[in-house]
Amino acid sequence: MEFLPREQRIRELQQPFQSYLDKYGIDDIGIFEEHGEGNHYYLGYTVNKGGKTYHIHSPYIKNDHGELATEKDEWTLESDDPNKKDQRGYDNLESVLRDI
């Protein structure tokens, strides 16, 4: 488990923004960030496509220095539709982006 500064993790997520916009027909994309319980943390993307908003994130562990390490190599898709359940267990980001 490799802990890296939060800012570095965010920069890594931001690098492919334009390619995701072009390849998957996304209207807008930004960083999703949420503190979980205890030392759990979630980073990923907020995506707007076709008038809908999605939160796509992966779980991290936060240490006492504020650095983050990947907890599991999986992605979760949350829709802005309150009647839809979160879809968990995606192996990679591209498979989530294809599904929306």
PDB file of N, CA and C in Angstrom:
ATOM      1  N   MET A   1       0.854  -1.173   0.000  1.00  0.00           N
ATOM      2  CA  MET A   1       0.000   0.000   0.000  1.00  0.00           C
ATOM      3  C   MET A   1       0.899   1.235   0.000  1.00  0.00           C
ATOM      4  N   GLU A   2       0.802   2.025  -1.070  1.00  0.00           N
ATOM      5  CA  GLU A   2       1.651   3.211  -1.198  1.00  0.00           C
ATOM      6  C   GLU A   2       0.854   4.474  -0.869  1.00  0.00           C
ATOM      7  N   PHE A   3       1.287   5.191   0.167  1.00  0.00           N
ATOM      8  CA  PHE A   3       0.653   6.446   0.542  1.00  0.00           C
ATOM      9  C   PHE A   3       1.306   7.586  -0.232  1.00  0.00           C
ATOM     10  N   LEU A   4       0.472   8.399  -0.856  1.00  0.00           N
ATOM     11  CA  LEU A   4       0.931   9.576  -1.602  1.00  0.00           C
ATOM     12  C   LEU A   4       0.133  10.789  -1.139  1.00  0.00           C
ATOM     13  N   PRO A   5       0.698  11.999  -1.289  1.00  0.00           N
ATOM     14  CA  PRO A   5      -0.047  13.205  -0.902  1.00  0.00           C
ATOM     15  C   PRO A   5      -1.380  13.303  -1.652  1.00  0.00           C
ATOM     16  N   ARG A   6      -2.392  13.784  -0.974  1.00  0.00           N
ATOM     17  CA  ARG A   6      -3.734  13.952  -1.549  1.00  0.00           C
ATOM     18  C   ARG A   6      -3.670  14.740  -2.853  1.00  0.00           C
ATOM     19  N   GLU A   7      -2.881  15.809  -2.871  1.00  0.00           N
ATOM     20  CA  GLU A   7      -2.776  16.660  -4.055  1.00  0.00           C
ATOM     21  C   GLU A   7      -2.225  15.887  -5.255  1.00  0.00           C
ATOM     22  N   GLN A   8      -1.297  14.990  -5.005  1.00  0.00           N
ATOM     23  CA  GLN A   8      -0.740  14.183  -6.088  1.00  0.00           C
ATOM     24  C   GLN A   8      -1.796  13.219  -6.639  1.00  0.00           C
ATOM     25  N   ARG A   9      -2.572  12.615  -5.744  1.00  0.00           N
ATOM     26  CA  ARG A   9      -3.652  11.720  -6.189  1.00  0.00           C
ATOM     27  C   ARG A   9      -4.654  12.483  -7.062  1.00  0.00           C
ATOM     28  N   ILE A  10      -4.982  13.702  -6.659  1.00  0.00           N
ATOM     29  CA  ILE A  10      -5.943  14.507  -7.426  1.00  0.00           C
ATOM     30  C   ILE A  10      -5.359  14.884  -8.789  1.00  0.00           C
ATOM     31  N   ARG A  11      -4.095  15.277  -8.828  1.00  0.00           N
ATOM     32  CA  ARG A  11      -3.455  15.592 -10.118  1.00  0.00           C
ATOM     33  C   ARG A  11      -3.488  14.393 -11.062  1.00  0.00           C
ATOM     34  N   GLU A  12      -3.243  13.211 -10.525  1.00  0.00           N
ATOM     35  CA  GLU A  12      -3.288  11.987 -11.344  1.00  0.00           C
ATOM     36  C   GLU A  12      -4.680  11.764 -11.930  1.00  0.00           C
ATOM     37  N   LEU A  13      -5.708  12.074 -11.149  1.00  0.00           N
ATOM     38  CA  LEU A  13      -7.082  11.927 -11.642  1.00  0.00           C
ATOM     39  C   LEU A  13      -7.423  12.979 -12.690  1.00  0.00           C
ATOM     40  N   GLN A  14      -6.854  14.175 -12.563  1.00  0.00           N
ATOM     41  CA  GLN A  14      -7.170  15.269 -13.481  1.00  0.00           C
ATOM     42  C   GLN A  14      -6.516  15.129 -14.850  1.00  0.00           C
ATOM     43  N   GLN A  15      -5.382  14.470 -14.936  1.00  0.00           N
ATOM     44  CA  GLN A  15      -4.625  14.400 -16.186  1.00  0.00           C
ATOM     45  C   GLN A  15      -5.449  13.932 -17.385  1.00  0.00           C
ATOM     46  N   PRO A  16      -6.269  12.892 -17.265  1.00  0.00           N
ATOM     47  CA  PRO A  16      -6.982  12.411 -18.461  1.00  0.00           C
ATOM     48  C   PRO A  16      -8.339  13.071 -18.712  1.00  0.00           C
ATOM     49  N   PHE A  17      -8.660  14.180 -18.037  1.00  0.00           N
ATOM     50  CA  PHE A  17      -9.973  14.818 -18.202  1.00  0.00           C
ATOM     51  C   PHE A  17     -10.382  14.954 -19.667  1.00  0.00           C
ATOM     52  N   GLN A  18      -9.545  15.608 -20.461  1.00  0.00           N
ATOM     53  CA  GLN A  18      -9.920  15.906 -21.850  1.00  0.00           C
ATOM     54  C   GLN A  18     -10.160  14.631 -22.649  1.00  0.00           C
ATOM     55  N   SER A  19      -9.341  13.620 -22.438  1.00  0.00           N
ATOM     56  CA  SER A  19      -9.541  12.374 -23.193  1.00  0.00           C
ATOM     57  C   SER A  19     -10.859  11.707 -22.814  1.00  0.00           C
ATOM     58  N   TYR A  20     -11.268  11.788 -21.548  1.00  0.00           N
ATOM     59  CA  TYR A  20     -12.560  11.217 -21.136  1.00  0.00           C
ATOM     60  C   TYR A  20     -13.716  11.992 -21.760  1.00  0.00           C
ATOM     61  N   LEU A  21     -13.592  13.323 -21.811  1.00  0.00           N
ATOM     62  CA  LEU A  21     -14.633  14.143 -22.440  1.00  0.00           C
ATOM     63  C   LEU A  21     -14.807  13.746 -23.897  1.00  0.00           C
ATOM     64  N   ASP A  22     -13.706  13.587 -24.596  1.00  0.00           N
ATOM     65  CA  ASP A  22     -13.740  13.261 -26.024  1.00  0.00           C
ATOM     66  C   ASP A  22     -14.209  11.832 -26.279  1.00  0.00           C
ATOM     67  N   LYS A  23     -13.644  10.881 -25.564  1.00  0.00           N
ATOM     68  CA  LYS A  23     -13.885   9.468 -25.838  1.00  0.00           C
ATOM     69  C   LYS A  23     -15.275   8.986 -25.425  1.00  0.00           C
ATOM     70  N   TYR A  24     -15.819   9.518 -24.309  1.00  0.00           N
ATOM     71  CA  TYR A  24     -17.077   9.000 -23.767  1.00  0.00           C
ATOM     72  C   TYR A  24     -18.249   9.961 -23.898  1.00  0.00           C
ATOM     73  N   GLY A  25     -18.061  11.074 -24.609  1.00  0.00           N
ATOM     74  CA  GLY A  25     -19.161  12.007 -24.836  1.00  0.00           C
ATOM     75  C   GLY A  25     -19.680  12.665 -23.565  1.00  0.00           C
ATOM     76  N   ILE A  26     -18.782  12.895 -22.634  1.00  0.00           N
ATOM     77  CA  ILE A  26     -19.147  13.510 -21.359  1.00  0.00           C
ATOM     78  C   ILE A  26     -19.281  15.015 -21.547  1.00  0.00           C
ATOM     79  N   ASP A  27     -20.298  15.604 -20.913  1.00  0.00           N
ATOM     80  CA  ASP A  27     -20.521  17.043 -21.009  1.00  0.00           C
ATOM     81  C   ASP A  27     -19.575  17.836 -20.100  1.00  0.00           C
ATOM     82  N   ASP A  28     -19.332  17.305 -18.900  1.00  0.00           N
ATOM     83  CA  ASP A  28     -18.471  17.986 -17.932  1.00  0.00           C
ATOM     84  C   ASP A  28     -17.925  16.947 -16.961  1.00  0.00           C
ATOM     85  N   ILE A  29     -16.737  17.216 -16.437  1.00  0.00           N
ATOM     86  CA  ILE A  29     -16.116  16.298 -15.485  1.00  0.00           C
ATOM     87  C   ILE A  29     -15.342  17.094 -14.459  1.00  0.00           C
ATOM     88  N   GLY A  30     -15.375  16.645 -13.216  1.00  0.00           N
ATOM     89  CA  GLY A  30     -14.638  17.280 -12.131  1.00  0.00           C
ATOM     90  C   GLY A  30     -14.233  16.228 -11.117  1.00  0.00           C
ATOM     91  N   ILE A  31     -13.557  16.659 -10.081  1.00  0.00           N
ATOM     92  CA  ILE A  31     -13.088  15.744  -9.038  1.00  0.00           C
ATOM     93  C   ILE A  31     -14.178  15.546  -7.994  1.00  0.00           C
ATOM     94  N   PHE A  32     -14.386  14.288  -7.614  1.00  0.00           N
ATOM     95  CA  PHE A  32     -15.263  13.917  -6.510  1.00  0.00           C
ATOM     96  C   PHE A  32     -14.370  13.575  -5.329  1.00  0.00           C
ATOM     97  N   GLU A  33     -14.719  14.110  -4.166  1.00  0.00           N
ATOM     98  CA  GLU A  33     -13.909  13.891  -2.967  1.00  0.00           C
ATOM     99  C   GLU A  33     -14.838  13.817  -1.763  1.00  0.00           C
ATOM    100  N   GLU A  34     -14.690  12.771  -0.966  1.00  0.00           N
ATOM    101  CA  GLU A  34     -15.566  12.606   0.197  1.00  0.00           C
ATOM    102  C   GLU A  34     -14.808  11.919   1.331  1.00  0.00           C
ATOM    103  N   HIS A  35     -14.944  12.479   2.545  1.00  0.00           N
ATOM    104  CA  HIS A  35     -14.385  11.848   3.735  1.00  0.00           C
ATOM    105  C   HIS A  35     -15.374  10.797   4.206  1.00  0.00           C
ATOM    106  N   GLY A  36     -14.896   9.597   4.439  1.00  0.00           N
ATOM    107  CA  GLY A  36     -15.733   8.540   4.985  1.00  0.00           C
ATOM    108  C   GLY A  36     -15.536   8.467   6.491  1.00  0.00           C
ATOM    109  N   GLU A  37     -15.980   7.367   7.072  1.00  0.00           N
ATOM    110  CA  GLU A  37     -15.813   7.166   8.509  1.00  0.00           C
ATOM    111  C   GLU A  37     -14.370   6.782   8.816  1.00  0.00           C
ATOM    112  N   GLY A  38     -13.875   7.257   9.941  1.00  0.00           N
ATOM    113  CA  GLY A  38     -12.525   6.909  10.364  1.00  0.00           C
ATOM    114  C   GLY A  38     -11.494   7.385   9.360  1.00  0.00           C
ATOM    115  N   ASN A  39     -10.655   6.464   8.912  1.00  0.00           N
ATOM    116  CA  ASN A  39      -9.595   6.830   7.976  1.00  0.00           C
ATOM    117  C   ASN A  39      -9.963   6.513   6.524  1.00  0.00           C
ATOM    118  N   HIS A  40     -11.244   6.304   6.253  1.00  0.00           N
ATOM    119  CA  HIS A  40     -11.690   6.025   4.886  1.00  0.00           C
ATOM    120  C   HIS A  40     -11.919   7.322   4.117  1.00  0.00           C
ATOM    121  N   TYR A  41     -11.599   7.281   2.849  1.00  0.00           N
ATOM    122  CA  TYR A  41     -11.658   8.463   1.993  1.00  0.00           C
ATOM    123  C   TYR A  41     -12.031   7.992   0.590  1.00  0.00           C
ATOM    124  N   TYR A  42     -12.747   8.814  -0.158  1.00  0.00           N
ATOM    125  CA  TYR A  42     -13.175   8.434  -1.501  1.00  0.00           C
ATOM    126  C   TYR A  42     -12.780   9.526  -2.487  1.00  0.00           C
ATOM    127  N   LEU A  43     -12.132   9.125  -3.562  1.00  0.00           N
ATOM    128  CA  LEU A  43     -11.738  10.046  -4.623  1.00  0.00           C
ATOM    129  C   LEU A  43     -12.209   9.481  -5.952  1.00  0.00           C
ATOM    130  N   GLY A  44     -12.541  10.386  -6.848  1.00  0.00           N
ATOM    131  CA  GLY A  44     -12.951   9.970  -8.177  1.00  0.00           C
ATOM    132  C   GLY A  44     -13.444  11.171  -8.956  1.00  0.00           C
ATOM    133  N   TYR A  45     -14.556  10.982  -9.651  1.00  0.00           N
ATOM    134  CA  TYR A  45     -15.049  11.986 -10.583  1.00  0.00           C
ATOM    135  C   TYR A  45     -16.530  12.274 -10.365  1.00  0.00           C
ATOM    136  N   THR A  46     -16.903  13.513 -10.622  1.00  0.00           N
ATOM    137  CA  THR A  46     -18.302  13.889 -10.808  1.00  0.00           C
ATOM    138  C   THR A  46     -18.438  14.143 -12.300  1.00  0.00           C
ATOM    139  N   VAL A  47     -19.362  13.423 -12.924  1.00  0.00           N
ATOM    140  CA  VAL A  47     -19.514  13.452 -14.370  1.00  0.00           C
ATOM    141  C   VAL A  47     -20.931  13.881 -14.722  1.00  0.00           C
ATOM    142  N   ASN A  48     -21.040  14.810 -15.663  1.00  0.00           N
ATOM    143  CA  ASN A  48     -22.339  15.199 -16.213  1.00  0.00           C
ATOM    144  C   ASN A  48     -22.413  14.688 -17.646  1.00  0.00           C
ATOM    145  N   LYS A  49     -23.479  13.951 -17.916  1.00  0.00           N
ATOM    146  CA  LYS A  49     -23.668  13.417 -19.262  1.00  0.00           C
ATOM    147  C   LYS A  49     -25.162  13.278 -19.524  1.00  0.00           C
ATOM    148  N   GLY A  50     -25.599  13.845 -20.625  1.00  0.00           N
ATOM    149  CA  GLY A  50     -27.002  13.722 -21.002  1.00  0.00           C
ATOM    150  C   GLY A  50     -27.965  14.275 -19.974  1.00  0.00           C
ATOM    151  N   GLY A  51     -27.583  15.338 -19.278  1.00  0.00           N
ATOM    152  CA  GLY A  51     -28.454  15.956 -18.292  1.00  0.00           C
ATOM    153  C   GLY A  51     -28.485  15.247 -16.945  1.00  0.00           C
ATOM    154  N   LYS A  52     -27.673  14.220 -16.775  1.00  0.00           N
ATOM    155  CA  LYS A  52     -27.621  13.497 -15.504  1.00  0.00           C
ATOM    156  C   LYS A  52     -26.237  13.656 -14.883  1.00  0.00           C
ATOM    157  N   THR A  53     -26.194  13.560 -13.555  1.00  0.00           N
ATOM    158  CA  THR A  53     -24.947  13.668 -12.816  1.00  0.00           C
ATOM    159  C   THR A  53     -24.626  12.329 -12.175  1.00  0.00           C
ATOM    160  N   TYR A  54     -23.367  11.947 -12.273  1.00  0.00           N
ATOM    161  CA  TYR A  54     -22.892  10.700 -11.702  1.00  0.00           C
ATOM    162  C   TYR A  54     -21.658  10.967 -10.852  1.00  0.00           C
ATOM    163  N   HIS A  55     -21.542  10.213  -9.753  1.00  0.00           N
ATOM    164  CA  HIS A  55     -20.336  10.237  -8.933  1.00  0.00           C
ATOM    165  C   HIS A  55     -19.677   8.870  -9.090  1.00  0.00           C
ATOM    166  N   ILE A  56     -18.445   8.881  -9.520  1.00  0.00           N
ATOM    167  CA  ILE A  56     -17.690   7.659  -9.767  1.00  0.00           C
ATOM    168  C   ILE A  56     -16.457   7.731  -8.880  1.00  0.00           C
ATOM    169  N   HIS A  57     -16.312   6.783  -7.965  1.00  0.00           N
ATOM    170  CA  HIS A  57     -15.215   6.902  -7.007  1.00  0.00           C
ATOM    171  C   HIS A  57     -14.631   5.556  -6.615  1.00  0.00           C
ATOM    172  N   SER A  58     -13.462   5.655  -6.017  1.00  0.00           N
ATOM    173  CA  SER A  58     -12.702   4.506  -5.556  1.00  0.00           C
ATOM    174  C   SER A  58     -12.318   4.745  -4.095  1.00  0.00           C
ATOM    175  N   PRO A  59     -12.226   3.681  -3.285  1.00  0.00           N
ATOM    176  CA  PRO A  59     -11.916   3.860  -1.860  1.00  0.00           C
ATOM    177  C   PRO A  59     -10.413   3.985  -1.584  1.00  0.00           C
ATOM    178  N   TYR A  60     -10.095   4.851  -0.649  1.00  0.00           N
ATOM    179  CA  TYR A  60      -8.721   5.078  -0.210  1.00  0.00           C
ATOM    180  C   TYR A  60      -8.669   5.024   1.312  1.00  0.00           C
ATOM    181  N   ILE A  61      -7.471   4.851   1.820  1.00  0.00           N
ATOM    182  CA  ILE A  61      -7.186   4.944   3.251  1.00  0.00           C
ATOM    183  C   ILE A  61      -6.339   6.194   3.445  1.00  0.00           C
ATOM    184  N   LYS A  62      -6.678   6.980   4.463  1.00  0.00           N
ATOM    185  CA  LYS A  62      -5.942   8.213   4.761  1.00  0.00           C
ATOM    186  C   LYS A  62      -5.106   7.988   6.022  1.00  0.00           C
ATOM    187  N   ASN A  63      -3.815   8.338   5.963  1.00  0.00           N
ATOM    188  CA  ASN A  63      -2.963   8.182   7.146  1.00  0.00           C
ATOM    189  C   ASN A  63      -2.924   9.478   7.963  1.00  0.00           C
ATOM    190  N   ASP A  64      -2.147   9.454   9.038  1.00  0.00           N
ATOM    191  CA  ASP A  64      -2.066  10.609   9.945  1.00  0.00           C
ATOM    192  C   ASP A  64      -1.426  11.837   9.311  1.00  0.00           C
ATOM    193  N   HIS A  65      -0.746  11.660   8.173  1.00  0.00           N
ATOM    194  CA  HIS A  65      -0.100  12.772   7.472  1.00  0.00           C
ATOM    195  C   HIS A  65      -0.987  13.327   6.353  1.00  0.00           C
ATOM    196  N   GLY A  66      -2.206  12.793   6.235  1.00  0.00           N
ATOM    197  CA  GLY A  66      -3.113  13.246   5.187  1.00  0.00           C
ATOM    198  C   GLY A  66      -2.843  12.629   3.834  1.00  0.00           C
ATOM    199  N   GLU A  67      -1.955  11.633   3.783  1.00  0.00           N
ATOM    200  CA  GLU A  67      -1.653  10.963   2.526  1.00  0.00           C
ATOM    201  C   GLU A  67      -2.670   9.847   2.278  1.00  0.00           C
ATOM    202  N   LEU A  68      -2.841   9.505   1.001  1.00  0.00           N
ATOM    203  CA  LEU A  68      -3.850   8.515   0.617  1.00  0.00           C
ATOM    204  C   LEU A  68      -3.219   7.316  -0.070  1.00  0.00           C
ATOM    205  N   ALA A  69      -3.760   6.140   0.237  1.00  0.00           N
ATOM    206  CA  ALA A  69      -3.364   4.898  -0.431  1.00  0.00           C
ATOM    207  C   ALA A  69      -4.634   4.200  -0.907  1.00  0.00           C
ATOM    208  N   THR A  70      -4.564   3.595  -2.069  1.00  0.00           N
ATOM    209  CA  THR A  70      -5.709   2.866  -2.609  1.00  0.00           C
ATOM    210  C   THR A  70      -6.075   1.731  -1.664  1.00  0.00           C
ATOM    211  N   GLU A  71      -7.345   1.676  -1.283  1.00  0.00           N
ATOM    212  CA  GLU A  71      -7.809   0.603  -0.405  1.00  0.00           C
ATOM    213  C   GLU A  71      -8.170  -0.644  -1.207  1.00  0.00           C
ATOM    214  N   LYS A  72      -8.909  -0.443  -2.308  1.00  0.00           N
ATOM    215  CA  LYS A  72      -9.310  -1.534  -3.199  1.00  0.00           C
ATOM    216  C   LYS A  72      -9.276  -1.013  -4.623  1.00  0.00           C
ATOM    217  N   ASP A  73      -8.889  -1.865  -5.546  1.00  0.00           N
ATOM    218  CA  ASP A  73      -8.898  -1.492  -6.962  1.00  0.00           C
ATOM    219  C   ASP A  73     -10.272  -1.758  -7.546  1.00  0.00           C
ATOM    220  N   GLU A  74     -11.222  -0.929  -7.144  1.00  0.00           N
ATOM    221  CA  GLU A  74     -12.561  -1.032  -7.707  1.00  0.00           C
ATOM    222  C   GLU A  74     -13.213   0.339  -7.702  1.00  0.00           C
ATOM    223  N   TRP A  75     -14.187   0.477  -8.578  1.00  0.00           N
ATOM    224  CA  TRP A  75     -14.896   1.743  -8.738  1.00  0.00           C
ATOM    225  C   TRP A  75     -16.369   1.545  -8.426  1.00  0.00           C
ATOM    226  N   THR A  76     -16.995   2.603  -7.891  1.00  0.00           N
ATOM    227  CA  THR A  76     -18.424   2.610  -7.596  1.00  0.00           C
ATOM    228  C   THR A  76     -19.078   3.724  -8.398  1.00  0.00           C
ATOM    229  N   LEU A  77     -20.255   3.443  -8.949  1.00  0.00           N
ATOM    230  CA  LEU A  77     -21.042   4.413  -9.712  1.00  0.00           C
ATOM    231  C   LEU A  77     -22.273   4.779  -8.913  1.00  0.00           C
ATOM    232  N   GLU A  78     -22.428   6.078  -8.617  1.00  0.00           N
ATOM    233  CA  GLU A  78     -23.623   6.607  -7.958  1.00  0.00           C
ATOM    234  C   GLU A  78     -24.329   7.525  -8.940  1.00  0.00           C
ATOM    235  N   SER A  79     -25.619   7.331  -9.081  1.00  0.00           N
ATOM    236  CA  SER A  79     -26.427   8.161  -9.963  1.00  0.00           C
ATOM    237  C   SER A  79     -27.105   9.252  -9.145  1.00  0.00           C
ATOM    238  N   ASP A  80     -27.533  10.324  -9.826  1.00  0.00           N
ATOM    239  CA  ASP A  80     -28.303  11.354  -9.127  1.00  0.00           C
ATOM    240  C   ASP A  80     -29.765  10.933  -8.974  1.00  0.00           C
ATOM    241  N   ASP A  81     -30.134   9.798  -9.509  1.00  0.00           N
ATOM    242  CA  ASP A  81     -31.486   9.252  -9.390  1.00  0.00           C
ATOM    243  C   ASP A  81     -31.611   8.550  -8.037  1.00  0.00           C
ATOM    244  N   PRO A  82     -32.430   9.084  -7.117  1.00  0.00           N
ATOM    245  CA  PRO A  82     -32.533   8.495  -5.776  1.00  0.00           C
ATOM    246  C   PRO A  82     -33.119   7.079  -5.780  1.00  0.00           C
ATOM    247  N   ASN A  83     -33.760   6.684  -6.871  1.00  0.00           N
ATOM    248  CA  ASN A  83     -34.348   5.350  -6.941  1.00  0.00           C
ATOM    249  C   ASN A  83     -33.362   4.288  -7.426  1.00  0.00           C
ATOM    250  N   LYS A  84     -32.188   4.717  -7.862  1.00  0.00           N
ATOM    251  CA  LYS A  84     -31.173   3.780  -8.345  1.00  0.00           C
ATOM    252  C   LYS A  84     -30.180   3.467  -7.239  1.00  0.00           C
ATOM    253  N   LYS A  85     -29.826   2.194  -7.126  1.00  0.00           N
ATOM    254  CA  LYS A  85     -28.815   1.784  -6.151  1.00  0.00           C
ATOM    255  C   LYS A  85     -27.423   2.041  -6.715  1.00  0.00           C
ATOM    256  N   ASP A  86     -26.472   2.248  -5.805  1.00  0.00           N
ATOM    257  CA  ASP A  86     -25.078   2.376  -6.222  1.00  0.00           C
ATOM    258  C   ASP A  86     -24.640   1.075  -6.886  1.00  0.00           C
ATOM    259  N   GLN A  87     -23.862   1.202  -7.929  1.00  0.00           N
ATOM    260  CA  GLN A  87     -23.325   0.033  -8.622  1.00  0.00           C
ATOM    261  C   GLN A  87     -21.853  -0.088  -8.259  1.00  0.00           C
ATOM    262  N   ARG A  88     -21.517  -1.163  -7.575  1.00  0.00           N
ATOM    263  CA  ARG A  88     -20.152  -1.360  -7.064  1.00  0.00           C
ATOM    264  C   ARG A  88     -19.439  -2.473  -7.825  1.00  0.00           C
ATOM    265  N   GLY A  89     -18.128  -2.495  -7.663  1.00  0.00           N
ATOM    266  CA  GLY A  89     -17.344  -3.612  -8.153  1.00  0.00           C
ATOM    267  C   GLY A  89     -16.810  -3.486  -9.564  1.00  0.00           C
ATOM    268  N   TYR A  90     -16.826  -2.299 -10.130  1.00  0.00           N
ATOM    269  CA  TYR A  90     -16.218  -2.113 -11.456  1.00  0.00           C
ATOM    270  C   TYR A  90     -14.705  -2.279 -11.324  1.00  0.00           C
ATOM    271  N   ASP A  91     -14.110  -3.026 -12.238  1.00  0.00           N
ATOM    272  CA  ASP A  91     -12.669  -3.277 -12.201  1.00  0.00           C
ATOM    273  C   ASP A  91     -11.838  -2.089 -12.662  1.00  0.00           C
ATOM    274  N   ASN A  92     -12.427  -1.253 -13.524  1.00  0.00           N
ATOM    275  CA  ASN A  92     -11.668  -0.105 -14.029  1.00  0.00           C
ATOM    276  C   ASN A  92     -12.614   1.038 -14.364  1.00  0.00           C
ATOM    277  N   LEU A  93     -12.064   2.211 -14.435  1.00  0.00           N
ATOM    278  CA  LEU A  93     -12.855   3.421 -14.681  1.00  0.00           C
ATOM    279  C   LEU A  93     -13.528   3.400 -16.046  1.00  0.00           C
ATOM    280  N   GLU A  94     -12.813   2.912 -17.045  1.00  0.00           N
ATOM    281  CA  GLU A  94     -13.363   2.914 -18.406  1.00  0.00           C
ATOM    282  C   GLU A  94     -14.665   2.119 -18.502  1.00  0.00           C
ATOM    283  N   SER A  95     -14.759   1.013 -17.765  1.00  0.00           N
ATOM    284  CA  SER A  95     -15.995   0.233 -17.804  1.00  0.00           C
ATOM    285  C   SER A  95     -17.165   1.010 -17.192  1.00  0.00           C
ATOM    286  N   VAL A  96     -16.886   1.832 -16.186  1.00  0.00           N
ATOM    287  CA  VAL A  96     -17.946   2.680 -15.617  1.00  0.00           C
ATOM    288  C   VAL A  96     -18.372   3.733 -16.635  1.00  0.00           C
ATOM    289  N   LEU A  97     -17.400   4.386 -17.245  1.00  0.00           N
ATOM    290  CA  LEU A  97     -17.708   5.455 -18.209  1.00  0.00           C
ATOM    291  C   LEU A  97     -18.473   4.924 -19.416  1.00  0.00           C
ATOM    292  N   ARG A  98     -18.239   3.691 -19.797  1.00  0.00           N
ATOM    293  CA  ARG A  98     -19.000   3.088 -20.905  1.00  0.00           C
ATOM    294  C   ARG A  98     -20.452   2.825 -20.499  1.00  0.00           C
ATOM    295  N   ASP A  99     -20.690   2.568 -19.221  1.00  0.00           N
ATOM    296  CA  ASP A  99     -22.032   2.225 -18.738  1.00  0.00           C
ATOM    297  C   ASP A  99     -22.960   3.417 -18.558  1.00  0.00           C
ATOM    298  N   ILE A 100     -22.416   4.609 -18.502  1.00  0.00           N
ATOM    299  CA  ILE A 100     -23.300   5.761 -18.261  1.00  0.00           C
ATOM    300  C   ILE A 100     -23.760   6.376 -19.563  1.00  0.00           C
TER     301      ILE A 100
END
